[in-house]
Amino acid sequence: MYLLTIKKLSTEKHVIKSVDVAREMNYSRASVHKMLRSLKSLNYIEQERYSTIKLTASGSRIATSCLKKYKLIEENLSPLIKMPEGYVLGICNLIELM
């Protein structure tokens, strides 16, 4: 979800900060900060302390792959099952783990 959010924000804004991610996801800034550290350690994002966030090449690939899967599942399940937006992302996560 974080990578997808960062990817979305990067198309809408030129500069992305952790507070932007927190607002978009409706998460606490502390929670977002902790996850961004994890994403940075996995080399999915680049971020200097108190600086802007950018997806790395590998982070962008993962976000793009997840987005394709999300859209495919959403297109195929939406006509069959009425569900809130967040449920589709949860289903994508479950399928990814399988």
PDB file of N, CA and C in Angstrom:
ATOM      1  N   MET A   1       0.816  -1.186   0.000  1.00  0.00           N
ATOM      2  CA  MET A   1       0.000   0.000   0.000  1.00  0.00           C
ATOM      3  C   MET A   1       0.869   1.263   0.000  1.00  0.00           C
ATOM      4  N   TYR A   2       1.944   1.222   0.739  1.00  0.00           N
ATOM      5  CA  TYR A   2       2.808   2.399   0.818  1.00  0.00           C
ATOM      6  C   TYR A   2       3.423   2.709  -0.545  1.00  0.00           C
ATOM      7  N   LEU A   3       3.938   1.697  -1.213  1.00  0.00           N
ATOM      8  CA  LEU A   3       4.551   1.932  -2.520  1.00  0.00           C
ATOM      9  C   LEU A   3       3.532   2.446  -3.522  1.00  0.00           C
ATOM     10  N   LEU A   4       2.327   1.897  -3.486  1.00  0.00           N
ATOM     11  CA  LEU A   4       1.270   2.376  -4.380  1.00  0.00           C
ATOM     12  C   LEU A   4       0.912   3.828  -4.069  1.00  0.00           C
ATOM     13  N   THR A   5       0.850   4.162  -2.803  1.00  0.00           N
ATOM     14  CA  THR A   5       0.536   5.532  -2.402  1.00  0.00           C
ATOM     15  C   THR A   5       1.626   6.493  -2.848  1.00  0.00           C
ATOM     16  N   ILE A   6       2.879   6.099  -2.660  1.00  0.00           N
ATOM     17  CA  ILE A   6       3.992   6.956  -3.083  1.00  0.00           C
ATOM     18  C   ILE A   6       3.969   7.125  -4.599  1.00  0.00           C
ATOM     19  N   LYS A   7       3.698   6.049  -5.313  1.00  0.00           N
ATOM     20  CA  LYS A   7       3.616   6.122  -6.778  1.00  0.00           C
ATOM     21  C   LYS A   7       2.492   7.071  -7.203  1.00  0.00           C
ATOM     22  N   LYS A   8       1.341   6.945  -6.560  1.00  0.00           N
ATOM     23  CA  LYS A   8       0.204   7.819  -6.877  1.00  0.00           C
ATOM     24  C   LYS A   8       0.555   9.283  -6.602  1.00  0.00           C
ATOM     25  N   LEU A   9       1.118   9.533  -5.438  1.00  0.00           N
ATOM     26  CA  LEU A   9       1.473  10.907  -5.078  1.00  0.00           C
ATOM     27  C   LEU A   9       2.531  11.476  -6.023  1.00  0.00           C
ATOM     28  N   SER A  10       3.430  10.628  -6.499  1.00  0.00           N
ATOM     29  CA  SER A  10       4.482  11.122  -7.396  1.00  0.00           C
ATOM     30  C   SER A  10       3.924  11.559  -8.739  1.00  0.00           C
ATOM     31  N   THR A  11       2.767  11.039  -9.124  1.00  0.00           N
ATOM     32  CA  THR A  11       2.149  11.500 -10.365  1.00  0.00           C
ATOM     33  C   THR A  11       1.360  12.791 -10.134  1.00  0.00           C
ATOM     34  N   GLU A  12       0.941  13.008  -8.894  1.00  0.00           N
ATOM     35  CA  GLU A  12       0.150  14.200  -8.564  1.00  0.00           C
ATOM     36  C   GLU A  12       1.006  15.374  -8.100  1.00  0.00           C
ATOM     37  N   LYS A  13       2.116  15.072  -7.437  1.00  0.00           N
ATOM     38  CA  LYS A  13       2.960  16.112  -6.847  1.00  0.00           C
ATOM     39  C   LYS A  13       4.400  15.891  -7.282  1.00  0.00           C
ATOM     40  N   HIS A  14       5.127  16.968  -7.337  1.00  0.00           N
ATOM     41  CA  HIS A  14       6.538  16.860  -7.706  1.00  0.00           C
ATOM     42  C   HIS A  14       7.396  16.466  -6.499  1.00  0.00           C
ATOM     43  N   VAL A  15       7.011  16.941  -5.340  1.00  0.00           N
ATOM     44  CA  VAL A  15       7.764  16.681  -4.111  1.00  0.00           C
ATOM     45  C   VAL A  15       6.861  15.928  -3.136  1.00  0.00           C
ATOM     46  N   ILE A  16       7.346  14.794  -2.638  1.00  0.00           N
ATOM     47  CA  ILE A  16       6.566  13.986  -1.701  1.00  0.00           C
ATOM     48  C   ILE A  16       7.331  13.911  -0.383  1.00  0.00           C
ATOM     49  N   LYS A  17       6.627  14.183   0.693  1.00  0.00           N
ATOM     50  CA  LYS A  17       7.205  14.071   2.031  1.00  0.00           C
ATOM     51  C   LYS A  17       6.386  13.053   2.823  1.00  0.00           C
ATOM     52  N   SER A  18       6.932  12.619   3.930  1.00  0.00           N
ATOM     53  CA  SER A  18       6.255  11.603   4.730  1.00  0.00           C
ATOM     54  C   SER A  18       4.884  12.071   5.212  1.00  0.00           C
ATOM     55  N   VAL A  19       4.752  13.362   5.482  1.00  0.00           N
ATOM     56  CA  VAL A  19       3.460  13.887   5.928  1.00  0.00           C
ATOM     57  C   VAL A  19       2.410  13.736   4.826  1.00  0.00           C
ATOM     58  N   ASP A  20       2.824  13.829   3.557  1.00  0.00           N
ATOM     59  CA  ASP A  20       1.897  13.631   2.439  1.00  0.00           C
ATOM     60  C   ASP A  20       1.387  12.193   2.406  1.00  0.00           C
ATOM     61  N   VAL A  21       2.291  11.261   2.652  1.00  0.00           N
ATOM     62  CA  VAL A  21       1.915   9.846   2.683  1.00  0.00           C
ATOM     63  C   VAL A  21       0.962   9.591   3.847  1.00  0.00           C
ATOM     64  N   ALA A  22       1.271  10.151   5.002  1.00  0.00           N
ATOM     65  CA  ALA A  22       0.422   9.978   6.190  1.00  0.00           C
ATOM     66  C   ALA A  22      -0.982  10.518   5.941  1.00  0.00           C
ATOM     67  N   ARG A  23      -1.070  11.692   5.339  1.00  0.00           N
ATOM     68  CA  ARG A  23      -2.395  12.275   5.043  1.00  0.00           C
ATOM     69  C   ARG A  23      -3.168  11.422   4.052  1.00  0.00           C
ATOM     70  N   GLU A  24      -2.499  11.008   2.994  1.00  0.00           N
ATOM     71  CA  GLU A  24      -3.156  10.235   1.939  1.00  0.00           C
ATOM     72  C   GLU A  24      -3.685   8.900   2.464  1.00  0.00           C
ATOM     73  N   MET A  25      -2.914   8.251   3.340  1.00  0.00           N
ATOM     74  CA  MET A  25      -3.295   6.942   3.847  1.00  0.00           C
ATOM     75  C   MET A  25      -4.110   7.028   5.132  1.00  0.00           C
ATOM     76  N   ASN A  26      -4.173   8.227   5.695  1.00  0.00           N
ATOM     77  CA  ASN A  26      -4.858   8.435   6.965  1.00  0.00           C
ATOM     78  C   ASN A  26      -4.219   7.614   8.094  1.00  0.00           C
ATOM     79  N   TYR A  27      -2.892   7.609   8.091  1.00  0.00           N
ATOM     80  CA  TYR A  27      -2.106   6.934   9.116  1.00  0.00           C
ATOM     81  C   TYR A  27      -1.365   7.995   9.926  1.00  0.00           C
ATOM     82  N   SER A  28      -0.906   7.605  11.103  1.00  0.00           N
ATOM     83  CA  SER A  28      -0.125   8.537  11.914  1.00  0.00           C
ATOM     84  C   SER A  28       1.242   8.759  11.259  1.00  0.00           C
ATOM     85  N   ARG A  29       1.808   9.923  11.508  1.00  0.00           N
ATOM     86  CA  ARG A  29       3.131  10.216  10.946  1.00  0.00           C
ATOM     87  C   ARG A  29       4.183   9.263  11.509  1.00  0.00           C
ATOM     88  N   ALA A  30       4.025   8.875  12.762  1.00  0.00           N
ATOM     89  CA  ALA A  30       4.983   7.944  13.374  1.00  0.00           C
ATOM     90  C   ALA A  30       4.939   6.587  12.679  1.00  0.00           C
ATOM     91  N   SER A  31       3.744   6.112  12.377  1.00  0.00           N
ATOM     92  CA  SER A  31       3.585   4.834  11.692  1.00  0.00           C
ATOM     93  C   SER A  31       4.198   4.886  10.295  1.00  0.00           C
ATOM     94  N   VAL A  32       3.950   5.969   9.594  1.00  0.00           N
ATOM     95  CA  VAL A  32       4.495   6.135   8.248  1.00  0.00           C
ATOM     96  C   VAL A  32       6.012   6.217   8.305  1.00  0.00           C
ATOM     97  N   HIS A  33       6.538   6.955   9.257  1.00  0.00           N
ATOM     98  CA  HIS A  33       7.989   7.091   9.408  1.00  0.00           C
ATOM     99  C   HIS A  33       8.644   5.724   9.605  1.00  0.00           C
ATOM    100  N   LYS A  34       8.033   4.905  10.432  1.00  0.00           N
ATOM    101  CA  LYS A  34       8.576   3.571  10.708  1.00  0.00           C
ATOM    102  C   LYS A  34       8.584   2.717   9.435  1.00  0.00           C
ATOM    103  N   MET A  35       7.488   2.747   8.682  1.00  0.00           N
ATOM    104  CA  MET A  35       7.420   1.950   7.461  1.00  0.00           C
ATOM    105  C   MET A  35       8.382   2.474   6.399  1.00  0.00           C
ATOM    106  N   LEU A  36       8.525   3.786   6.315  1.00  0.00           N
ATOM    107  CA  LEU A  36       9.455   4.349   5.335  1.00  0.00           C
ATOM    108  C   LEU A  36      10.891   3.914   5.626  1.00  0.00           C
ATOM    109  N   ARG A  37      11.232   3.810   6.901  1.00  0.00           N
ATOM    110  CA  ARG A  37      12.566   3.289   7.251  1.00  0.00           C
ATOM    111  C   ARG A  37      12.736   1.871   6.730  1.00  0.00           C
ATOM    112  N   SER A  38      11.686   1.046   6.882  1.00  0.00           N
ATOM    113  CA  SER A  38      11.743  -0.332   6.387  1.00  0.00           C
ATOM    114  C   SER A  38      11.869  -0.367   4.870  1.00  0.00           C
ATOM    115  N   LEU A  39      11.081   0.466   4.189  1.00  0.00           N
ATOM    116  CA  LEU A  39      11.144   0.506   2.723  1.00  0.00           C
ATOM    117  C   LEU A  39      12.507   0.984   2.237  1.00  0.00           C
ATOM    118  N   LYS A  40      13.097   1.906   2.983  1.00  0.00           N
ATOM    119  CA  LYS A  40      14.432   2.390   2.629  1.00  0.00           C
ATOM    120  C   LYS A  40      15.471   1.287   2.819  1.00  0.00           C
ATOM    121  N   SER A  41      15.352   0.532   3.893  1.00  0.00           N
ATOM    122  CA  SER A  41      16.310  -0.551   4.144  1.00  0.00           C
ATOM    123  C   SER A  41      16.197  -1.659   3.098  1.00  0.00           C
ATOM    124  N   LEU A  42      15.011  -1.797   2.491  1.00  0.00           N
ATOM    125  CA  LEU A  42      14.809  -2.778   1.420  1.00  0.00           C
ATOM    126  C   LEU A  42      15.175  -2.216   0.044  1.00  0.00           C
ATOM    127  N   ASN A  43      15.626  -0.960   0.032  1.00  0.00           N
ATOM    128  CA  ASN A  43      16.008  -0.257  -1.189  1.00  0.00           C
ATOM    129  C   ASN A  43      14.824  -0.043  -2.143  1.00  0.00           C
ATOM    130  N   TYR A  44      13.640   0.192  -1.584  1.00  0.00           N
ATOM    131  CA  TYR A  44      12.457   0.480  -2.391  1.00  0.00           C
ATOM    132  C   TYR A  44      12.227   1.985  -2.532  1.00  0.00           C
ATOM    133  N   ILE A  45      12.765   2.747  -1.589  1.00  0.00           N
ATOM    134  CA  ILE A  45      12.653   4.209  -1.663  1.00  0.00           C
ATOM    135  C   ILE A  45      14.002   4.832  -1.324  1.00  0.00           C
ATOM    136  N   GLU A  46      14.136   6.088  -1.727  1.00  0.00           N
ATOM    137  CA  GLU A  46      15.269   6.911  -1.323  1.00  0.00           C
ATOM    138  C   GLU A  46      14.713   8.066  -0.517  1.00  0.00           C
ATOM    139  N   GLN A  47      15.320   8.311   0.624  1.00  0.00           N
ATOM    140  CA  GLN A  47      14.901   9.435   1.454  1.00  0.00           C
ATOM    141  C   GLN A  47      16.014   9.776   2.421  1.00  0.00           C
ATOM    142  N   GLU A  48      16.414  11.013   2.363  1.00  0.00           N
ATOM    143  CA  GLU A  48      17.342  11.520   3.358  1.00  0.00           C
ATOM    144  C   GLU A  48      16.506  12.029   4.524  1.00  0.00           C
ATOM    145  N   ARG A  49      17.110  12.194   5.652  1.00  0.00           N
ATOM    146  CA  ARG A  49      16.385  12.653   6.829  1.00  0.00           C
ATOM    147  C   ARG A  49      15.686  13.981   6.544  1.00  0.00           C
ATOM    148  N   TYR A  50      14.404  14.042   6.844  1.00  0.00           N
ATOM    149  CA  TYR A  50      13.565  15.228   6.637  1.00  0.00           C
ATOM    150  C   TYR A  50      13.551  15.691   5.174  1.00  0.00           C
ATOM    151  N   SER A  51      13.666  14.739   4.271  1.00  0.00           N
ATOM    152  CA  SER A  51      13.720  15.095   2.865  1.00  0.00           C
ATOM    153  C   SER A  51      12.606  14.430   2.067  1.00  0.00           C
ATOM    154  N   THR A  52      12.628  14.654   0.778  1.00  0.00           N
ATOM    155  CA  THR A  52      11.593  14.101  -0.096  1.00  0.00           C
ATOM    156  C   THR A  52      11.785  12.603  -0.284  1.00  0.00           C
ATOM    157  N   ILE A  53      10.697  11.969  -0.690  1.00  0.00           N
ATOM    158  CA  ILE A  53      10.677  10.515  -0.894  1.00  0.00           C
ATOM    159  C   ILE A  53      10.618  10.251  -2.389  1.00  0.00           C
ATOM    160  N   LYS A  54      11.436   9.316  -2.838  1.00  0.00           N
ATOM    161  CA  LYS A  54      11.418   8.899  -4.245  1.00  0.00           C
ATOM    162  C   LYS A  54      11.480   7.381  -4.290  1.00  0.00           C
ATOM    163  N   LEU A  55      10.725   6.799  -5.209  1.00  0.00           N
ATOM    164  CA  LEU A  55      10.809   5.360  -5.426  1.00  0.00           C
ATOM    165  C   LEU A  55      12.113   5.041  -6.141  1.00  0.00           C
ATOM    166  N   THR A  56      12.756   3.959  -5.745  1.00  0.00           N
ATOM    167  CA  THR A  56      13.915   3.478  -6.495  1.00  0.00           C
ATOM    168  C   THR A  56      13.382   2.685  -7.686  1.00  0.00           C
ATOM    169  N   ALA A  57      14.268   2.228  -8.537  1.00  0.00           N
ATOM    170  CA  ALA A  57      13.851   1.427  -9.699  1.00  0.00           C
ATOM    171  C   ALA A  57      13.132   0.161  -9.234  1.00  0.00           C
ATOM    172  N   SER A  58      13.658  -0.504  -8.215  1.00  0.00           N
ATOM    173  CA  SER A  58      13.007  -1.729  -7.730  1.00  0.00           C
ATOM    174  C   SER A  58      11.682  -1.415  -7.050  1.00  0.00           C
ATOM    175  N   GLY A  59      11.608  -0.318  -6.320  1.00  0.00           N
ATOM    176  CA  GLY A  59      10.355   0.084  -5.690  1.00  0.00           C
ATOM    177  C   GLY A  59       9.296   0.417  -6.724  1.00  0.00           C
ATOM    178  N   SER A  60       9.711   1.073  -7.787  1.00  0.00           N
ATOM    179  CA  SER A  60       8.789   1.418  -8.861  1.00  0.00           C
ATOM    180  C   SER A  60       8.280   0.166  -9.570  1.00  0.00           C
ATOM    181  N   ARG A  61       9.170  -0.799  -9.801  1.00  0.00           N
ATOM    182  CA  ARG A  61       8.760  -2.073 -10.438  1.00  0.00           C
ATOM    183  C   ARG A  61       7.722  -2.797  -9.588  1.00  0.00           C
ATOM    184  N   ILE A  62       7.960  -2.859  -8.293  1.00  0.00           N
ATOM    185  CA  ILE A  62       7.025  -3.541  -7.397  1.00  0.00           C
ATOM    186  C   ILE A  62       5.687  -2.812  -7.370  1.00  0.00           C
ATOM    187  N   ALA A  63       5.711  -1.491  -7.271  1.00  0.00           N
ATOM    188  CA  ALA A  63       4.473  -0.712  -7.248  1.00  0.00           C
ATOM    189  C   ALA A  63       3.695  -0.909  -8.550  1.00  0.00           C
ATOM    190  N   THR A  64       4.388  -0.891  -9.685  1.00  0.00           N
ATOM    191  CA  THR A  64       3.734  -1.089 -10.982  1.00  0.00           C
ATOM    192  C   THR A  64       3.131  -2.478 -11.083  1.00  0.00           C
ATOM    193  N   SER A  65       3.862  -3.482 -10.616  1.00  0.00           N
ATOM    194  CA  SER A  65       3.361  -4.861 -10.631  1.00  0.00           C
ATOM    195  C   SER A  65       2.118  -4.995  -9.755  1.00  0.00           C
ATOM    196  N   CYS A  66       2.164  -4.426  -8.568  1.00  0.00           N
ATOM    197  CA  CYS A  66       1.015  -4.479  -7.657  1.00  0.00           C
ATOM    198  C   CYS A  66      -0.185  -3.745  -8.250  1.00  0.00           C
ATOM    199  N   LEU A  67       0.068  -2.618  -8.895  1.00  0.00           N
ATOM    200  CA  LEU A  67      -1.017  -1.843  -9.493  1.00  0.00           C
ATOM    201  C   LEU A  67      -1.695  -2.625 -10.617  1.00  0.00           C
ATOM    202  N   LYS A  68      -0.908  -3.321 -11.437  1.00  0.00           N
ATOM    203  CA  LYS A  68      -1.475  -4.147 -12.509  1.00  0.00           C
ATOM    204  C   LYS A  68      -2.354  -5.252 -11.930  1.00  0.00           C
ATOM    205  N   LYS A  69      -1.865  -5.909 -10.884  1.00  0.00           N
ATOM    206  CA  LYS A  69      -2.641  -6.976 -10.243  1.00  0.00           C
ATOM    207  C   LYS A  69      -3.910  -6.421  -9.611  1.00  0.00           C
ATOM    208  N   TYR A  70      -3.767  -5.276  -8.968  1.00  0.00           N
ATOM    209  CA  TYR A  70      -4.919  -4.625  -8.334  1.00  0.00           C
ATOM    210  C   TYR A  70      -6.000  -4.335  -9.371  1.00  0.00           C
ATOM    211  N   LYS A  71      -5.604  -3.740 -10.484  1.00  0.00           N
ATOM    212  CA  LYS A  71      -6.574  -3.396 -11.526  1.00  0.00           C
ATOM    213  C   LYS A  71      -7.213  -4.640 -12.127  1.00  0.00           C
ATOM    214  N   LEU A  72      -6.428  -5.684 -12.333  1.00  0.00           N
ATOM    215  CA  LEU A  72      -6.962  -6.930 -12.888  1.00  0.00           C
ATOM    216  C   LEU A  72      -8.000  -7.548 -11.957  1.00  0.00           C
ATOM    217  N   ILE A  73      -7.679  -7.612 -10.682  1.00  0.00           N
ATOM    218  CA  ILE A  73      -8.613  -8.179  -9.708  1.00  0.00           C
ATOM    219  C   ILE A  73      -9.848  -7.295  -9.581  1.00  0.00           C
ATOM    220  N   GLU A  74      -9.641  -5.993  -9.528  1.00  0.00           N
ATOM    221  CA  GLU A  74     -10.760  -5.072  -9.396  1.00  0.00           C
ATOM    222  C   GLU A  74     -11.709  -5.186 -10.592  1.00  0.00           C
ATOM    223  N   GLU A  75     -11.151  -5.242 -11.787  1.00  0.00           N
ATOM    224  CA  GLU A  75     -11.974  -5.342 -12.997  1.00  0.00           C
ATOM    225  C   GLU A  75     -12.771  -6.644 -13.039  1.00  0.00           C
ATOM    226  N   ASN A  76     -12.184  -7.722 -12.534  1.00  0.00           N
ATOM    227  CA  ASN A  76     -12.845  -9.025 -12.601  1.00  0.00           C
ATOM    228  C   ASN A  76     -13.786  -9.296 -11.438  1.00  0.00           C
ATOM    229  N   LEU A  77     -13.486  -8.721 -10.273  1.00  0.00           N
ATOM    230  CA  LEU A  77     -14.330  -8.978  -9.108  1.00  0.00           C
ATOM    231  C   LEU A  77     -15.436  -7.947  -8.919  1.00  0.00           C
ATOM    232  N   SER A  78     -15.181  -6.714  -9.305  1.00  0.00           N
ATOM    233  CA  SER A  78     -16.171  -5.651  -9.076  1.00  0.00           C
ATOM    234  C   SER A  78     -17.547  -5.958  -9.656  1.00  0.00           C
ATOM    235  N   PRO A  79     -17.628  -6.517 -10.869  1.00  0.00           N
ATOM    236  CA  PRO A  79     -18.963  -6.839 -11.386  1.00  0.00           C
ATOM    237  C   PRO A  79     -19.658  -7.956 -10.609  1.00  0.00           C
ATOM    238  N   LEU A  80     -18.886  -8.776  -9.936  1.00  0.00           N
ATOM    239  CA  LEU A  80     -19.442  -9.937  -9.235  1.00  0.00           C
ATOM    240  C   LEU A  80     -19.766  -9.654  -7.775  1.00  0.00           C
ATOM    241  N   ILE A  81     -18.917  -8.856  -7.134  1.00  0.00           N
ATOM    242  CA  ILE A  81     -19.039  -8.631  -5.694  1.00  0.00           C
ATOM    243  C   ILE A  81     -18.940  -7.135  -5.406  1.00  0.00           C
ATOM    244  N   LYS A  82     -19.898  -6.614  -4.667  1.00  0.00           N
ATOM    245  CA  LYS A  82     -19.822  -5.228  -4.218  1.00  0.00           C
ATOM    246  C   LYS A  82     -18.987  -5.192  -2.938  1.00  0.00           C
ATOM    247  N   MET A  83     -17.901  -4.422  -2.970  1.00  0.00           N
ATOM    248  CA  MET A  83     -17.069  -4.326  -1.778  1.00  0.00           C
ATOM    249  C   MET A  83     -16.380  -2.970  -1.737  1.00  0.00           C
ATOM    250  N   PRO A  84     -16.074  -2.520  -0.540  1.00  0.00           N
ATOM    251  CA  PRO A  84     -15.371  -1.237  -0.406  1.00  0.00           C
ATOM    252  C   PRO A  84     -14.003  -1.295  -1.071  1.00  0.00           C
ATOM    253  N   GLU A  85     -13.481  -0.128  -1.421  1.00  0.00           N
ATOM    254  CA  GLU A  85     -12.214  -0.026  -2.146  1.00  0.00           C
ATOM    255  C   GLU A  85     -11.063  -0.754  -1.446  1.00  0.00           C
ATOM    256  N   GLY A  86     -10.954  -0.617  -0.146  1.00  0.00           N
ATOM    257  CA  GLY A  86      -9.857  -1.234   0.595  1.00  0.00           C
ATOM    258  C   GLY A  86      -9.852  -2.749   0.545  1.00  0.00           C
ATOM    259  N   TYR A  87     -10.994  -3.349   0.318  1.00  0.00           N
ATOM    260  CA  TYR A  87     -11.073  -4.800   0.271  1.00  0.00           C
ATOM    261  C   TYR A  87     -10.338  -5.351  -0.933  1.00  0.00           C
ATOM    262  N   VAL A  88     -10.400  -4.661  -2.054  1.00  0.00           N
ATOM    263  CA  VAL A  88      -9.710  -5.130  -3.251  1.00  0.00           C
ATOM    264  C   VAL A  88      -8.212  -5.168  -2.990  1.00  0.00           C
ATOM    265  N   LEU A  89      -7.688  -4.153  -2.349  1.00  0.00           N
ATOM    266  CA  LEU A  89      -6.271  -4.129  -2.026  1.00  0.00           C
ATOM    267  C   LEU A  89      -5.915  -5.261  -1.069  1.00  0.00           C
ATOM    268  N   GLY A  90      -6.785  -5.540  -0.105  1.00  0.00           N
ATOM    269  CA  GLY A  90      -6.558  -6.661   0.811  1.00  0.00           C
ATOM    270  C   GLY A  90      -6.527  -7.993   0.085  1.00  0.00           C
ATOM    271  N   ILE A  91      -7.420  -8.161  -0.873  1.00  0.00           N
ATOM    272  CA  ILE A  91      -7.442  -9.390  -1.676  1.00  0.00           C
ATOM    273  C   ILE A  91      -6.160  -9.505  -2.489  1.00  0.00           C
ATOM    274  N   CYS A  92      -5.711  -8.396  -3.056  1.00  0.00           N
ATOM    275  CA  CYS A  92      -4.442  -8.389  -3.796  1.00  0.00           C
ATOM    276  C   CYS A  92      -3.290  -8.833  -2.899  1.00  0.00           C
ATOM    277  N   ASN A  93      -3.265  -8.328  -1.685  1.00  0.00           N
ATOM    278  CA  ASN A  93      -2.212  -8.703  -0.741  1.00  0.00           C
ATOM    279  C   ASN A  93      -2.250 -10.194  -0.431  1.00  0.00           C
ATOM    280  N   LEU A  94      -3.443 -10.740  -0.239  1.00  0.00           N
ATOM    281  CA  LEU A  94      -3.567 -12.175   0.040  1.00  0.00           C
ATOM    282  C   LEU A  94      -3.094 -13.019  -1.131  1.00  0.00           C
ATOM    283  N   ILE A  95      -3.478 -12.629  -2.322  1.00  0.00           N
ATOM    284  CA  ILE A  95      -3.058 -13.373  -3.513  1.00  0.00           C
ATOM    285  C   ILE A  95      -1.542 -13.286  -3.672  1.00  0.00           C
ATOM    286  N   GLU A  96      -0.993 -12.125  -3.403  1.00  0.00           N
ATOM    287  CA  GLU A  96       0.467 -11.947  -3.501  1.00  0.00           C
ATOM    288  C   GLU A  96       1.199 -12.873  -2.534  1.00  0.00           C
ATOM    289  N   LEU A  97       0.643 -13.069  -1.342  1.00  0.00           N
ATOM    290  CA  LEU A  97       1.273 -13.945  -0.355  1.00  0.00           C
ATOM    291  C   LEU A  97       1.190 -15.419  -0.751  1.00  0.00           C
ATOM    292  N   MET A  98       0.162 -15.758  -1.497  1.00  0.00           N
ATOM    293  CA  MET A  98       0.010 -17.155  -1.944  1.00  0.00           C
ATOM    294  C   MET A  98       1.084 -17.480  -2.954  1.00  0.00           C
TER     295      MET A  98
END
